[in-house]
Amino acid sequence: AEQQSLRQTHRKAIPLYEAAIESARKSGFIHEQGLACEKAAFYFMRVKNKEKALEYFQQARECYFHWGSFVKVDFIQKELDGLNLNS
């Protein structure tokens, strides 16, 4: 997904982000699911899709919370706050 994002092949990147998120979820790797959601959120920020970025940041925050990584929760919350301020 990240390679496709850097190559700006958006039609390929989006399903790969979604596949990474789903694979991590099915495997029970909540920290990997959080990371995949976070990467997807930053991707959507780069392509100026604020709604999708918010959606994926919220999912990442939830994953990191359940994993117990409160430093990452705080980091993601700051990203969300920044997106909400730029409305």
C-alpha atoms as a PDB file:
ATOM      1  CA  ALA A   1       0.000   0.000   0.000  1.00  0.00           C
ATOM      2  CA  GLU A   2       2.758   2.428   0.916  1.00  0.00           C
ATOM      3  CA  GLN A   3       4.654   1.692  -2.300  1.00  0.00           C
ATOM      4  CA  GLN A   4       1.543   2.297  -4.380  1.00  0.00           C
ATOM      5  CA  SER A   5       0.893   5.498  -2.446  1.00  0.00           C
ATOM      6  CA  LEU A   6       4.389   6.765  -3.185  1.00  0.00           C
ATOM      7  CA  ARG A   7       3.939   5.862  -6.845  1.00  0.00           C
ATOM      8  CA  GLN A   8       0.615   7.720  -6.746  1.00  0.00           C
ATOM      9  CA  THR A   9      -1.288   4.722  -8.063  1.00  0.00           C
ATOM     10  CA  HIS A  10      -4.297   5.486  -5.911  1.00  0.00           C
ATOM     11  CA  ARG A  11      -6.609   2.828  -7.319  1.00  0.00           C
ATOM     12  CA  LYS A  12      -4.106   0.215  -6.167  1.00  0.00           C
ATOM     13  CA  ALA A  13      -3.162   1.804  -2.846  1.00  0.00           C
ATOM     14  CA  ILE A  14      -6.618   2.038  -1.287  1.00  0.00           C
ATOM     15  CA  PRO A  15      -7.559  -1.663  -1.520  1.00  0.00           C
ATOM     16  CA  LEU A  16      -4.106  -2.601  -0.229  1.00  0.00           C
ATOM     17  CA  TYR A  17      -4.545  -0.419   2.859  1.00  0.00           C
ATOM     18  CA  GLU A  18      -7.957  -1.991   3.412  1.00  0.00           C
ATOM     19  CA  ALA A  19      -6.532  -5.492   2.950  1.00  0.00           C
ATOM     20  CA  ALA A  20      -3.746  -4.806   5.459  1.00  0.00           C
ATOM     21  CA  ILE A  21      -6.255  -3.552   8.016  1.00  0.00           C
ATOM     22  CA  GLU A  22      -8.540  -6.535   7.517  1.00  0.00           C
ATOM     23  CA  SER A  23      -5.686  -9.050   7.628  1.00  0.00           C
ATOM     24  CA  ALA A  24      -4.401  -7.624  10.905  1.00  0.00           C
ATOM     25  CA  ARG A  25      -7.934  -7.613  12.343  1.00  0.00           C
ATOM     26  CA  LYS A  26      -8.592 -11.230  11.374  1.00  0.00           C
ATOM     27  CA  SER A  27      -5.235 -12.293  12.807  1.00  0.00           C
ATOM     28  CA  GLY A  28      -5.886 -10.521  16.090  1.00  0.00           C
ATOM     29  CA  PHE A  29      -2.887  -8.212  15.718  1.00  0.00           C
ATOM     30  CA  ILE A  30      -4.553  -5.081  17.047  1.00  0.00           C
ATOM     31  CA  HIS A  31      -1.316  -3.096  17.083  1.00  0.00           C
ATOM     32  CA  GLU A  32      -0.747  -3.906  13.400  1.00  0.00           C
ATOM     33  CA  GLN A  33      -4.348  -3.005  12.658  1.00  0.00           C
ATOM     34  CA  GLY A  34      -3.793   0.336  14.385  1.00  0.00           C
ATOM     35  CA  LEU A  35      -0.641   0.955  12.389  1.00  0.00           C
ATOM     36  CA  ALA A  36      -2.365   0.079   9.107  1.00  0.00           C
ATOM     37  CA  CYS A  37      -5.247   2.430   9.957  1.00  0.00           C
ATOM     38  CA  GLU A  38      -2.785   5.176  10.867  1.00  0.00           C
ATOM     39  CA  LYS A  39      -0.901   4.737   7.580  1.00  0.00           C
ATOM     40  CA  ALA A  40      -4.195   4.820   5.668  1.00  0.00           C
ATOM     41  CA  ALA A  41      -5.206   7.995   7.506  1.00  0.00           C
ATOM     42  CA  PHE A  42      -1.975   9.748   6.572  1.00  0.00           C
ATOM     43  CA  TYR A  43      -2.447   8.573   2.983  1.00  0.00           C
ATOM     44  CA  PHE A  44      -5.908  10.124   2.872  1.00  0.00           C
ATOM     45  CA  MET A  45      -4.518  13.345   4.337  1.00  0.00           C
ATOM     46  CA  ARG A  46      -1.976  13.460   1.493  1.00  0.00           C
ATOM     47  CA  VAL A  47      -4.697  13.074  -1.121  1.00  0.00           C
ATOM     48  CA  LYS A  48      -6.869  15.686   0.622  1.00  0.00           C
ATOM     49  CA  ASN A  49      -9.688  13.346   1.670  1.00  0.00           C
ATOM     50  CA  LYS A  50     -10.314  14.634   5.173  1.00  0.00           C
ATOM     51  CA  GLU A  51     -13.406  12.495   5.831  1.00  0.00           C
ATOM     52  CA  LYS A  52     -11.567   9.231   5.155  1.00  0.00           C
ATOM     53  CA  ALA A  53      -8.529  10.457   7.113  1.00  0.00           C
ATOM     54  CA  LEU A  54     -10.756  11.146  10.115  1.00  0.00           C
ATOM     55  CA  GLU A  55     -12.365   7.724   9.789  1.00  0.00           C
ATOM     56  CA  TYR A  56      -9.044   5.884   9.733  1.00  0.00           C
ATOM     57  CA  PHE A  57      -7.493   8.003  12.510  1.00  0.00           C
ATOM     58  CA  GLN A  58     -10.498   7.169  14.698  1.00  0.00           C
ATOM     59  CA  GLN A  59     -10.043   3.473  13.969  1.00  0.00           C
ATOM     60  CA  ALA A  60      -6.319   3.727  14.723  1.00  0.00           C
ATOM     61  CA  ARG A  61      -7.000   5.501  18.008  1.00  0.00           C
ATOM     62  CA  GLU A  62      -9.441   2.756  19.028  1.00  0.00           C
ATOM     63  CA  CYS A  63      -6.954  -0.002  18.160  1.00  0.00           C
ATOM     64  CA  TYR A  64      -4.123   1.673  20.061  1.00  0.00           C
ATOM     65  CA  PHE A  65      -6.427   2.226  23.051  1.00  0.00           C
ATOM     66  CA  HIS A  66      -7.378  -1.456  23.190  1.00  0.00           C
ATOM     67  CA  TRP A  67      -3.735  -2.421  22.776  1.00  0.00           C
ATOM     68  CA  GLY A  68      -2.848  -0.157  25.712  1.00  0.00           C
ATOM     69  CA  SER A  69      -0.559   2.211  23.842  1.00  0.00           C
ATOM     70  CA  PHE A  70      -1.751   5.472  25.332  1.00  0.00           C
ATOM     71  CA  VAL A  71       1.170   7.431  23.889  1.00  0.00           C
ATOM     72  CA  LYS A  72      -0.084   6.474  20.417  1.00  0.00           C
ATOM     73  CA  VAL A  73      -3.660   7.310  21.470  1.00  0.00           C
ATOM     74  CA  ASP A  74      -2.482  10.808  22.435  1.00  0.00           C
ATOM     75  CA  PHE A  75      -0.537  11.169  19.180  1.00  0.00           C
ATOM     76  CA  ILE A  76      -3.556  10.161  17.095  1.00  0.00           C
ATOM     77  CA  GLN A  77      -5.822  12.435  19.122  1.00  0.00           C
ATOM     78  CA  LYS A  78      -3.565  15.392  18.288  1.00  0.00           C
ATOM     79  CA  GLU A  79      -3.853  14.514  14.591  1.00  0.00           C
ATOM     80  CA  LEU A  80      -7.643  14.344  14.940  1.00  0.00           C
ATOM     81  CA  ASP A  81      -7.738  17.651  16.792  1.00  0.00           C
ATOM     82  CA  GLY A  82      -5.660  19.233  14.028  1.00  0.00           C
ATOM     83  CA  LEU A  83      -7.980  17.936  11.334  1.00  0.00           C
ATOM     84  CA  ASN A  84     -11.033  19.173  13.219  1.00  0.00           C
ATOM     85  CA  LEU A  85      -9.503  22.634  13.688  1.00  0.00           C
ATOM     86  CA  ASN A  86      -8.840  22.892   9.949  1.00  0.00           C
ATOM     87  CA  SER A  87     -12.513  22.303   9.074  1.00  0.00           C
END
